[in-house]
């Protein structure tokens, strides 16, 4: 009986001991450290250049159906510029994918990071995940996160096509983005 009690006591002691060791991936902070600074709102304006044609396309098809266009998926590394001209100052890159996700109207599923490489936001990015009904004059898509200065970001992006070549599929899209971040 004594050995059973000793074993039970030792087991309980070591079980409790192993539970109280904090995990390497988890850490608690004092309230002063965990308090976030006030949120800011940033308004961004830039142009997205989606080029499917020529010697150096910035978008390429990576998947698609045997017939029709529903399901066509494009991988992109598009320029984000200050103005609508392709020679305008480069602000960053739109990197990700879009897919034709609607059968009744041309609408895309956008899964994209806008990675900035200029000025105050150099090294920061915002993430877009949403529906883009491309035939609408203005489309709204959610900002679901970000990195760098846009950590904990949320907001919306308004897209407006300023130029589209129906033969090649090339397009220039104006973006007005409002994003909340810390």
N, C-alpha and C. Protein backbone atom coordinates (compact mmCIF):
# COMPACT_ATOMS: atom_id res chain seq x y z
N UNK A 1 0.83 -1.19 0.00
CA UNK A 1 0.00 0.00 0.00
C UNK A 1 0.87 1.24 0.00
N UNK A 2 1.97 1.21 0.76
CA UNK A 2 2.85 2.37 0.83
C UNK A 2 3.49 2.64 -0.52
N UNK A 3 3.85 1.58 -1.25
CA UNK A 3 4.48 1.80 -2.56
C UNK A 3 3.46 2.37 -3.55
N UNK A 4 2.19 1.96 -3.44
CA UNK A 4 1.15 2.50 -4.29
C UNK A 4 0.97 3.99 -4.03
N UNK A 5 0.93 4.40 -2.76
CA UNK A 5 0.79 5.83 -2.41
C UNK A 5 2.00 6.61 -2.87
N UNK A 6 3.19 6.04 -2.71
CA UNK A 6 4.40 6.72 -3.15
C UNK A 6 4.38 6.90 -4.67
N UNK A 7 3.99 5.84 -5.39
CA UNK A 7 3.92 5.92 -6.84
C UNK A 7 2.89 6.96 -7.26
N UNK A 8 1.71 6.96 -6.65
CA UNK A 8 0.65 7.90 -6.98
C UNK A 8 1.10 9.33 -6.68
N UNK A 9 1.77 9.55 -5.56
CA UNK A 9 2.25 10.88 -5.20
C UNK A 9 3.29 11.36 -6.20
N UNK A 10 4.25 10.49 -6.54
CA UNK A 10 5.28 10.86 -7.51
C UNK A 10 4.67 11.13 -8.89
N UNK A 11 3.72 10.28 -9.31
CA UNK A 11 3.07 10.49 -10.60
C UNK A 11 2.34 11.83 -10.63
N UNK A 12 1.60 12.12 -9.58
CA UNK A 12 0.87 13.39 -9.50
C UNK A 12 1.83 14.56 -9.51
N UNK A 13 2.92 14.45 -8.77
CA UNK A 13 3.90 15.53 -8.69
C UNK A 13 4.51 15.80 -10.06
N UNK A 14 4.95 14.73 -10.75
CA UNK A 14 5.57 14.92 -12.06
C UNK A 14 4.56 15.32 -13.12
N UNK A 15 3.33 14.83 -13.05
CA UNK A 15 2.30 15.23 -14.00
C UNK A 15 2.00 16.71 -13.85
N UNK A 16 1.86 17.17 -12.63
CA UNK A 16 1.61 18.59 -12.37
C UNK A 16 2.79 19.42 -12.83
N UNK A 17 3.99 18.94 -12.55
CA UNK A 17 5.20 19.66 -12.92
C UNK A 17 5.27 19.84 -14.44
N UNK A 18 4.98 18.78 -15.19
CA UNK A 18 5.08 18.87 -16.65
C UNK A 18 4.00 19.77 -17.24
N UNK A 19 2.87 19.88 -16.60
CA UNK A 19 1.80 20.73 -17.09
C UNK A 19 2.13 22.21 -16.87
N UNK A 20 2.85 22.54 -15.84
CA UNK A 20 3.10 23.94 -15.52
C UNK A 20 4.27 24.53 -16.31
N UNK A 21 5.00 23.73 -17.06
CA UNK A 21 6.09 24.26 -17.88
C UNK A 21 5.45 24.92 -19.10
N UNK A 22 5.71 26.21 -19.33
CA UNK A 22 5.09 26.87 -20.48
C UNK A 22 5.66 26.33 -21.79
N UNK A 23 4.78 26.23 -22.78
CA UNK A 23 5.21 25.74 -24.09
C UNK A 23 6.08 26.79 -24.78
N UNK A 24 6.99 26.35 -25.62
CA UNK A 24 7.92 27.25 -26.30
C UNK A 24 7.19 28.18 -27.26
N UNK A 25 6.06 27.75 -27.80
CA UNK A 25 5.34 28.57 -28.77
C UNK A 25 4.31 29.49 -28.12
N UNK A 26 4.17 29.46 -26.83
CA UNK A 26 3.14 30.22 -26.13
C UNK A 26 3.77 31.07 -25.04
N UNK A 27 3.29 32.29 -24.93
CA UNK A 27 3.83 33.18 -23.91
C UNK A 27 2.75 34.18 -23.52
N UNK A 28 2.63 34.46 -22.23
CA UNK A 28 1.68 35.46 -21.76
C UNK A 28 2.42 36.75 -21.45
N UNK A 29 1.75 37.88 -21.74
CA UNK A 29 2.35 39.18 -21.53
C UNK A 29 1.58 39.94 -20.47
N UNK A 30 2.30 40.79 -19.77
CA UNK A 30 1.65 41.69 -18.83
C UNK A 30 0.74 42.62 -19.61
N UNK A 31 -0.30 43.13 -18.97
CA UNK A 31 -1.28 43.97 -19.65
C UNK A 31 -0.64 45.18 -20.33
N UNK A 32 0.36 45.79 -19.71
CA UNK A 32 1.00 46.97 -20.29
C UNK A 32 1.67 46.63 -21.62
N UNK A 33 2.25 45.46 -21.73
CA UNK A 33 2.95 45.06 -22.94
C UNK A 33 1.95 44.69 -24.03
N UNK A 34 0.86 44.03 -23.67
CA UNK A 34 -0.10 43.54 -24.64
C UNK A 34 -1.01 44.64 -25.20
N UNK A 35 -1.09 45.78 -24.57
CA UNK A 35 -1.95 46.86 -25.04
C UNK A 35 -1.46 47.37 -26.39
N UNK A 36 -2.35 47.41 -27.35
CA UNK A 36 -2.00 47.86 -28.70
C UNK A 36 -2.13 49.38 -28.78
N UNK A 37 -1.31 50.01 -29.61
CA UNK A 37 -1.44 51.45 -29.82
C UNK A 37 -2.75 51.76 -30.55
N UNK A 38 -3.09 53.00 -30.65
CA UNK A 38 -4.32 53.39 -31.34
C UNK A 38 -4.27 53.00 -32.81
N UNK A 39 -5.42 52.62 -33.33
CA UNK A 39 -5.50 52.25 -34.74
C UNK A 39 -5.38 53.49 -35.62
N UNK A 40 -4.81 53.29 -36.79
CA UNK A 40 -4.69 54.34 -37.80
C UNK A 40 -5.47 53.91 -39.03
N UNK A 41 -5.87 54.88 -39.82
CA UNK A 41 -6.49 54.60 -41.11
C UNK A 41 -5.55 55.13 -42.18
N UNK A 42 -5.18 54.28 -43.11
CA UNK A 42 -4.36 54.70 -44.25
C UNK A 42 -5.19 54.58 -45.51
N UNK A 43 -5.07 55.58 -46.37
CA UNK A 43 -5.73 55.58 -47.67
C UNK A 43 -4.64 55.47 -48.73
N UNK A 44 -4.74 54.44 -49.55
CA UNK A 44 -3.73 54.17 -50.58
C UNK A 44 -4.39 54.28 -51.95
N UNK A 45 -3.65 54.80 -52.90
CA UNK A 45 -4.13 54.93 -54.27
C UNK A 45 -3.02 54.48 -55.21
N UNK A 46 -3.32 53.52 -56.06
CA UNK A 46 -2.31 53.00 -57.00
C UNK A 46 -3.01 52.32 -58.17
N UNK A 47 -2.21 51.93 -59.14
CA UNK A 47 -2.71 51.26 -60.34
C UNK A 47 -2.07 49.88 -60.46
N UNK A 48 -2.90 48.93 -60.84
CA UNK A 48 -2.56 47.51 -60.95
C UNK A 48 -2.45 47.21 -62.44
N UNK A 49 -1.32 46.70 -62.91
CA UNK A 49 -1.10 46.42 -64.33
C UNK A 49 -1.06 44.91 -64.54
N UNK A 50 -2.15 44.37 -65.09
CA UNK A 50 -2.28 42.93 -65.32
C UNK A 50 -1.99 42.67 -66.80
N UNK A 51 -0.81 42.13 -67.09
CA UNK A 51 -0.36 41.96 -68.46
C UNK A 51 -0.27 40.46 -68.79
N UNK A 52 -1.13 40.02 -69.72
CA UNK A 52 -1.15 38.62 -70.14
C UNK A 52 -0.41 38.41 -71.45
N UNK A 53 -0.13 39.48 -72.19
CA UNK A 53 0.45 39.38 -73.53
C UNK A 53 1.93 39.78 -73.53
N UNK A 54 2.55 39.61 -74.70
CA UNK A 54 3.92 40.07 -74.89
C UNK A 54 4.97 39.08 -74.42
N UNK A 55 6.23 39.56 -74.44
CA UNK A 55 7.36 38.71 -74.07
C UNK A 55 7.49 38.51 -72.56
N UNK A 56 7.01 39.46 -71.77
CA UNK A 56 7.15 39.38 -70.31
C UNK A 56 5.80 39.55 -69.61
N UNK A 57 4.90 38.60 -69.78
CA UNK A 57 3.60 38.74 -69.10
C UNK A 57 3.77 38.69 -67.58
N UNK A 58 2.90 39.41 -66.89
CA UNK A 58 2.94 39.40 -65.41
C UNK A 58 1.85 38.50 -64.84
N UNK A 59 1.04 37.90 -65.71
CA UNK A 59 0.01 36.96 -65.29
C UNK A 59 0.04 35.77 -66.24
N UNK A 60 -0.04 34.58 -65.67
CA UNK A 60 -0.01 33.38 -66.51
C UNK A 60 -1.02 32.36 -65.98
N UNK A 61 -1.65 31.65 -66.90
CA UNK A 61 -2.64 30.66 -66.52
C UNK A 61 -1.94 29.44 -65.93
N UNK A 62 -2.41 29.00 -64.75
CA UNK A 62 -1.82 27.82 -64.10
C UNK A 62 -2.79 26.65 -64.02
N UNK A 63 -4.10 26.91 -64.26
CA UNK A 63 -5.10 25.84 -64.25
C UNK A 63 -6.30 26.32 -65.05
N UNK A 64 -7.06 25.37 -65.54
CA UNK A 64 -8.24 25.75 -66.27
C UNK A 64 -8.99 24.55 -66.80
N UNK A 65 -10.21 24.79 -67.24
CA UNK A 65 -11.05 23.70 -67.74
C UNK A 65 -10.66 23.32 -69.17
N UNK A 66 -11.13 22.16 -69.59
CA UNK A 66 -10.89 21.72 -70.97
C UNK A 66 -11.73 22.53 -71.95
N UNK A 67 -12.91 22.99 -71.50
CA UNK A 67 -13.73 23.86 -72.34
C UNK A 67 -14.35 24.95 -71.47
N UNK A 68 -14.62 26.06 -72.08
CA UNK A 68 -15.16 27.19 -71.35
C UNK A 68 -14.08 27.92 -70.56
N UNK A 69 -14.50 28.86 -69.71
CA UNK A 69 -13.55 29.66 -68.94
C UNK A 69 -13.73 29.49 -67.42
N UNK A 70 -14.86 28.97 -66.98
CA UNK A 70 -15.10 28.78 -65.55
C UNK A 70 -14.01 27.90 -64.95
N UNK A 71 -13.35 28.39 -63.91
CA UNK A 71 -12.28 27.64 -63.26
C UNK A 71 -10.88 28.06 -63.70
N UNK A 72 -10.80 28.89 -64.75
CA UNK A 72 -9.48 29.35 -65.20
C UNK A 72 -8.80 30.09 -64.04
N UNK A 73 -7.56 29.72 -63.76
CA UNK A 73 -6.81 30.28 -62.63
C UNK A 73 -5.50 30.87 -63.13
N UNK A 74 -5.26 32.10 -62.70
CA UNK A 74 -4.06 32.84 -63.11
C UNK A 74 -3.18 33.13 -61.91
N UNK A 75 -1.87 32.97 -62.08
CA UNK A 75 -0.88 33.38 -61.07
C UNK A 75 -0.32 34.71 -61.54
N UNK A 76 -0.19 35.68 -60.60
CA UNK A 76 0.23 37.03 -61.01
C UNK A 76 1.39 37.56 -60.17
N UNK A 77 2.15 38.41 -60.81
CA UNK A 77 3.17 39.23 -60.17
C UNK A 77 3.11 40.58 -60.90
N UNK A 78 2.01 41.30 -60.66
CA UNK A 78 1.69 42.53 -61.39
C UNK A 78 2.29 43.76 -60.72
N UNK A 79 2.68 44.72 -61.55
CA UNK A 79 3.21 45.99 -61.05
C UNK A 79 2.09 46.82 -60.43
N UNK A 80 2.40 47.48 -59.31
CA UNK A 80 1.54 48.49 -58.70
C UNK A 80 2.26 49.82 -58.89
N UNK A 81 1.64 50.75 -59.59
CA UNK A 81 2.31 52.00 -59.91
C UNK A 81 1.55 53.21 -59.40
N UNK A 82 2.25 54.34 -59.36
CA UNK A 82 1.68 55.60 -58.89
C UNK A 82 0.63 56.15 -59.85
N UNK A 83 0.85 55.98 -61.14
CA UNK A 83 -0.09 56.46 -62.16
C UNK A 83 -0.50 55.34 -63.07
N UNK A 84 -1.43 55.61 -64.01
CA UNK A 84 -1.92 54.55 -64.90
C UNK A 84 -0.94 54.15 -66.00
N UNK A 85 0.06 54.98 -66.26
CA UNK A 85 1.03 54.65 -67.31
C UNK A 85 1.95 53.53 -66.83
N UNK A 86 2.26 52.57 -67.70
CA UNK A 86 3.19 51.49 -67.31
C UNK A 86 4.56 52.00 -66.88
N UNK A 87 4.96 53.17 -67.37
CA UNK A 87 6.26 53.74 -67.01
C UNK A 87 6.22 54.54 -65.71
N UNK A 88 5.05 54.64 -65.09
CA UNK A 88 4.89 55.39 -63.85
C UNK A 88 5.72 54.75 -62.73
N UNK A 89 5.98 55.51 -61.68
CA UNK A 89 6.80 55.05 -60.55
C UNK A 89 6.25 53.75 -59.95
N UNK A 90 7.11 52.74 -59.82
CA UNK A 90 6.73 51.45 -59.24
C UNK A 90 6.62 51.58 -57.72
N UNK A 91 5.45 51.24 -57.17
CA UNK A 91 5.22 51.30 -55.72
C UNK A 91 5.30 49.93 -55.07
N UNK A 92 5.05 48.87 -55.84
CA UNK A 92 5.06 47.53 -55.29
C UNK A 92 4.60 46.52 -56.32
N UNK A 93 4.24 45.32 -55.82
CA UNK A 93 3.80 44.23 -56.69
C UNK A 93 2.54 43.61 -56.10
N UNK A 94 1.63 43.22 -56.99
CA UNK A 94 0.46 42.42 -56.62
C UNK A 94 0.84 40.97 -56.91
N UNK A 95 0.92 40.16 -55.86
CA UNK A 95 1.38 38.78 -56.02
C UNK A 95 0.35 37.84 -55.43
N UNK A 96 -0.06 36.87 -56.24
CA UNK A 96 -1.05 35.91 -55.79
C UNK A 96 -1.73 35.27 -56.97
N UNK A 97 -3.04 35.06 -56.84
CA UNK A 97 -3.77 34.44 -57.93
C UNK A 97 -5.19 34.96 -57.97
N UNK A 98 -5.79 34.78 -59.14
CA UNK A 98 -7.22 35.01 -59.30
C UNK A 98 -7.78 33.92 -60.17
N UNK A 99 -9.05 33.61 -59.94
CA UNK A 99 -9.69 32.52 -60.68
C UNK A 99 -11.10 32.94 -61.08
N UNK A 100 -11.52 32.54 -62.27
CA UNK A 100 -12.88 32.79 -62.71
C UNK A 100 -13.79 31.85 -61.94
N UNK A 101 -14.54 32.42 -60.99
CA UNK A 101 -15.27 31.60 -60.02
C UNK A 101 -16.78 31.67 -60.15
N UNK A 102 -17.30 32.33 -61.17
CA UNK A 102 -18.74 32.43 -61.36
C UNK A 102 -19.10 31.93 -62.76
N UNK A 103 -20.23 31.25 -62.86
CA UNK A 103 -20.65 30.73 -64.16
C UNK A 103 -21.60 31.67 -64.88
N UNK A 104 -22.30 32.54 -64.14
CA UNK A 104 -23.32 33.39 -64.74
C UNK A 104 -22.79 34.73 -65.23
N UNK A 105 -21.74 35.25 -64.59
CA UNK A 105 -21.15 36.54 -64.97
C UNK A 105 -19.65 36.45 -64.75
N UNK A 106 -18.88 37.31 -65.41
CA UNK A 106 -17.43 37.28 -65.16
C UNK A 106 -17.10 37.83 -63.76
N UNK A 107 -16.80 36.95 -62.85
CA UNK A 107 -16.42 37.34 -61.49
C UNK A 107 -15.23 36.49 -61.07
N UNK A 108 -14.29 37.14 -60.42
CA UNK A 108 -13.05 36.48 -60.02
C UNK A 108 -13.00 36.28 -58.51
N UNK A 109 -12.36 35.23 -58.09
CA UNK A 109 -11.95 35.07 -56.70
C UNK A 109 -10.53 35.61 -56.64
N UNK A 110 -10.31 36.67 -55.85
CA UNK A 110 -8.99 37.30 -55.73
C UNK A 110 -8.33 36.82 -54.45
N UNK A 111 -7.13 36.27 -54.55
CA UNK A 111 -6.31 35.85 -53.41
C UNK A 111 -4.95 36.49 -53.66
N UNK A 112 -4.73 37.65 -53.06
CA UNK A 112 -3.60 38.46 -53.48
C UNK A 112 -2.98 39.25 -52.33
N UNK A 113 -1.67 39.40 -52.41
CA UNK A 113 -0.93 40.29 -51.52
C UNK A 113 -0.46 41.49 -52.32
N UNK A 114 -0.68 42.67 -51.80
CA UNK A 114 -0.11 43.88 -52.38
C UNK A 114 1.13 44.18 -51.55
N UNK A 115 2.29 43.88 -52.11
CA UNK A 115 3.57 44.03 -51.41
C UNK A 115 4.20 45.36 -51.84
N UNK A 116 4.36 46.27 -50.89
CA UNK A 116 4.87 47.61 -51.20
C UNK A 116 6.39 47.65 -51.04
N UNK A 117 7.03 48.39 -51.94
CA UNK A 117 8.49 48.46 -51.93
C UNK A 117 8.98 49.89 -52.12
N UNK A 118 8.18 50.83 -51.68
CA UNK A 118 8.53 52.23 -51.86
C UNK A 118 8.02 53.06 -50.69
N UNK A 119 8.83 54.02 -50.27
CA UNK A 119 8.40 55.01 -49.27
C UNK A 119 8.11 54.43 -47.90
N UNK A 120 7.17 55.04 -47.23
CA UNK A 120 6.81 54.70 -45.85
C UNK A 120 6.41 53.23 -45.69
N UNK A 121 5.77 52.65 -46.70
CA UNK A 121 5.25 51.28 -46.59
C UNK A 121 6.20 50.23 -47.17
N UNK A 122 7.43 50.60 -47.49
CA UNK A 122 8.41 49.66 -48.02
C UNK A 122 8.54 48.45 -47.09
N UNK A 123 8.36 47.25 -47.63
CA UNK A 123 8.46 46.02 -46.85
C UNK A 123 7.16 45.59 -46.20
N UNK A 124 6.11 46.37 -46.34
CA UNK A 124 4.81 46.03 -45.77
C UNK A 124 3.88 45.51 -46.87
N UNK A 125 2.86 44.77 -46.47
CA UNK A 125 1.90 44.26 -47.46
C UNK A 125 0.50 44.22 -46.87
N UNK A 126 -0.48 44.21 -47.76
CA UNK A 126 -1.87 43.98 -47.37
C UNK A 126 -2.38 42.78 -48.17
N UNK A 127 -3.30 42.03 -47.58
CA UNK A 127 -3.84 40.82 -48.20
C UNK A 127 -5.31 41.02 -48.57
N UNK A 128 -5.62 40.69 -49.80
CA UNK A 128 -6.99 40.80 -50.33
C UNK A 128 -7.51 39.39 -50.56
N UNK A 129 -8.73 39.15 -50.12
CA UNK A 129 -9.38 37.86 -50.36
C UNK A 129 -10.85 38.15 -50.58
N UNK A 130 -11.31 38.02 -51.81
CA UNK A 130 -12.72 38.33 -52.03
C UNK A 130 -13.14 38.19 -53.48
N UNK A 131 -14.39 38.54 -53.71
CA UNK A 131 -15.03 38.44 -55.02
C UNK A 131 -14.82 39.73 -55.80
N UNK A 132 -14.50 39.59 -57.08
CA UNK A 132 -14.28 40.73 -57.96
C UNK A 132 -15.14 40.56 -59.21
N UNK A 133 -16.37 41.13 -59.20
CA UNK A 133 -17.23 41.05 -60.39
C UNK A 133 -16.75 42.07 -61.43
N UNK A 134 -15.88 41.64 -62.32
CA UNK A 134 -15.09 42.54 -63.16
C UNK A 134 -15.90 43.44 -64.09
N UNK A 135 -17.13 43.12 -64.39
CA UNK A 135 -17.93 43.97 -65.28
C UNK A 135 -18.60 45.13 -64.53
N UNK A 136 -18.54 45.14 -63.21
CA UNK A 136 -19.09 46.26 -62.45
C UNK A 136 -18.12 47.44 -62.55
N UNK A 137 -18.66 48.64 -62.58
CA UNK A 137 -17.81 49.83 -62.70
C UNK A 137 -16.83 49.93 -61.52
N UNK A 138 -17.33 49.69 -60.32
CA UNK A 138 -16.50 49.73 -59.11
C UNK A 138 -16.77 48.45 -58.34
N UNK A 139 -15.70 47.78 -57.93
CA UNK A 139 -15.81 46.54 -57.15
C UNK A 139 -15.18 46.75 -55.78
N UNK A 140 -15.82 46.19 -54.76
CA UNK A 140 -15.28 46.28 -53.40
C UNK A 140 -14.82 44.91 -52.95
N UNK A 141 -13.57 44.86 -52.44
CA UNK A 141 -13.01 43.60 -51.94
C UNK A 141 -12.44 43.83 -50.55
N UNK A 142 -12.52 42.83 -49.68
CA UNK A 142 -12.04 43.01 -48.32
C UNK A 142 -10.52 42.89 -48.19
N UNK A 143 -9.96 43.70 -47.30
CA UNK A 143 -8.58 43.54 -46.85
C UNK A 143 -8.68 42.68 -45.60
N UNK A 144 -8.02 41.53 -45.60
CA UNK A 144 -8.18 40.57 -44.51
C UNK A 144 -6.95 40.44 -43.62
N UNK A 145 -5.91 41.20 -43.91
CA UNK A 145 -4.71 41.14 -43.08
C UNK A 145 -3.58 41.89 -43.73
N UNK A 146 -2.41 41.79 -43.11
CA UNK A 146 -1.25 42.46 -43.65
C UNK A 146 -0.01 42.14 -42.85
N UNK A 147 1.08 42.77 -43.26
CA UNK A 147 2.35 42.57 -42.55
C UNK A 147 3.07 43.91 -42.46
N UNK A 148 4.13 43.94 -41.64
CA UNK A 148 4.89 45.17 -41.46
C UNK A 148 4.02 46.24 -40.81
N UNK A 149 3.97 47.42 -41.41
CA UNK A 149 3.14 48.51 -40.86
C UNK A 149 1.65 48.18 -40.93
N UNK A 150 1.28 47.18 -41.73
CA UNK A 150 -0.12 46.79 -41.86
C UNK A 150 -0.47 45.54 -41.05
N UNK A 151 0.31 45.24 -40.02
CA UNK A 151 0.01 44.10 -39.16
C UNK A 151 -1.38 44.31 -38.55
N UNK A 152 -2.18 43.29 -38.47
CA UNK A 152 -3.56 43.32 -37.98
C UNK A 152 -4.48 44.15 -38.87
N UNK A 153 -4.14 44.33 -40.13
CA UNK A 153 -4.92 45.18 -41.03
C UNK A 153 -6.28 44.59 -41.34
N UNK A 154 -7.20 45.51 -41.55
CA UNK A 154 -8.53 45.16 -42.07
C UNK A 154 -9.06 46.40 -42.79
N UNK A 155 -9.88 46.18 -43.78
CA UNK A 155 -10.40 47.31 -44.54
C UNK A 155 -11.00 46.85 -45.84
N UNK A 156 -10.96 47.74 -46.84
CA UNK A 156 -11.54 47.40 -48.12
C UNK A 156 -10.75 48.06 -49.25
N UNK A 157 -10.85 47.44 -50.42
CA UNK A 157 -10.22 47.97 -51.63
C UNK A 157 -11.32 48.18 -52.66
N UNK A 158 -11.32 49.35 -53.27
CA UNK A 158 -12.23 49.65 -54.37
C UNK A 158 -11.44 49.60 -55.66
N UNK A 159 -11.89 48.78 -56.61
CA UNK A 159 -11.20 48.60 -57.89
C UNK A 159 -12.06 49.15 -59.01
N UNK A 160 -11.41 49.85 -59.94
CA UNK A 160 -12.09 50.42 -61.11
C UNK A 160 -11.18 50.22 -62.33
N UNK A 161 -11.67 49.50 -63.32
CA UNK A 161 -10.87 49.25 -64.52
C UNK A 161 -10.80 50.54 -65.34
N UNK A 162 -9.56 50.99 -65.62
CA UNK A 162 -9.39 52.21 -66.41
C UNK A 162 -9.02 51.89 -67.87
N UNK A 163 -8.52 50.67 -68.10
CA UNK A 163 -8.20 50.27 -69.47
C UNK A 163 -8.24 48.75 -69.55
N UNK A 164 -8.84 48.25 -70.64
CA UNK A 164 -8.90 46.81 -70.86
C UNK A 164 -8.78 46.54 -72.34
N UNK A 165 -7.91 45.61 -72.73
CA UNK A 165 -7.76 45.18 -74.12
C UNK A 165 -8.49 43.85 -74.26
N UNK A 166 -9.63 43.86 -74.93
CA UNK A 166 -10.46 42.67 -75.08
C UNK A 166 -9.80 41.56 -75.88
N UNK A 167 -8.80 41.89 -76.68
CA UNK A 167 -8.11 40.88 -77.48
C UNK A 167 -7.08 40.12 -76.65
N UNK A 168 -6.25 40.86 -75.90
CA UNK A 168 -5.16 40.22 -75.13
C UNK A 168 -5.54 39.89 -73.70
N UNK A 169 -6.52 40.61 -73.14
CA UNK A 169 -6.87 40.44 -71.73
C UNK A 169 -6.08 41.35 -70.80
N UNK A 170 -5.14 42.14 -71.36
CA UNK A 170 -4.36 43.08 -70.55
C UNK A 170 -5.30 44.13 -69.94
N UNK A 171 -4.98 44.55 -68.71
CA UNK A 171 -5.83 45.54 -68.04
C UNK A 171 -5.01 46.41 -67.10
N UNK A 172 -5.51 47.62 -66.91
CA UNK A 172 -4.99 48.52 -65.87
C UNK A 172 -6.17 48.86 -64.98
N UNK A 173 -5.99 48.61 -63.68
CA UNK A 173 -7.07 48.79 -62.72
C UNK A 173 -6.63 49.77 -61.65
N UNK A 174 -7.47 50.77 -61.41
CA UNK A 174 -7.21 51.75 -60.35
C UNK A 174 -7.72 51.19 -59.03
N UNK A 175 -6.90 51.31 -57.98
CA UNK A 175 -7.28 50.85 -56.64
C UNK A 175 -7.26 52.03 -55.67
N UNK A 176 -8.34 52.14 -54.90
CA UNK A 176 -8.42 53.05 -53.76
C UNK A 176 -8.66 52.16 -52.55
N UNK A 177 -7.73 52.18 -51.62
CA UNK A 177 -7.75 51.26 -50.49
C UNK A 177 -7.84 52.04 -49.19
N UNK A 178 -8.74 51.64 -48.32
CA UNK A 178 -8.82 52.17 -46.96
C UNK A 178 -8.53 51.02 -46.02
N UNK A 179 -7.52 51.20 -45.16
CA UNK A 179 -7.08 50.10 -44.32
C UNK A 179 -6.85 50.60 -42.89
N UNK A 180 -7.43 49.88 -41.92
CA UNK A 180 -7.19 50.13 -40.49
C UNK A 180 -6.03 49.25 -40.06
N UNK A 181 -5.12 49.82 -39.30
CA UNK A 181 -3.96 49.07 -38.81
C UNK A 181 -3.39 49.77 -37.59
N UNK A 182 -2.45 49.11 -36.92
CA UNK A 182 -1.81 49.70 -35.75
C UNK A 182 -0.51 50.35 -36.13
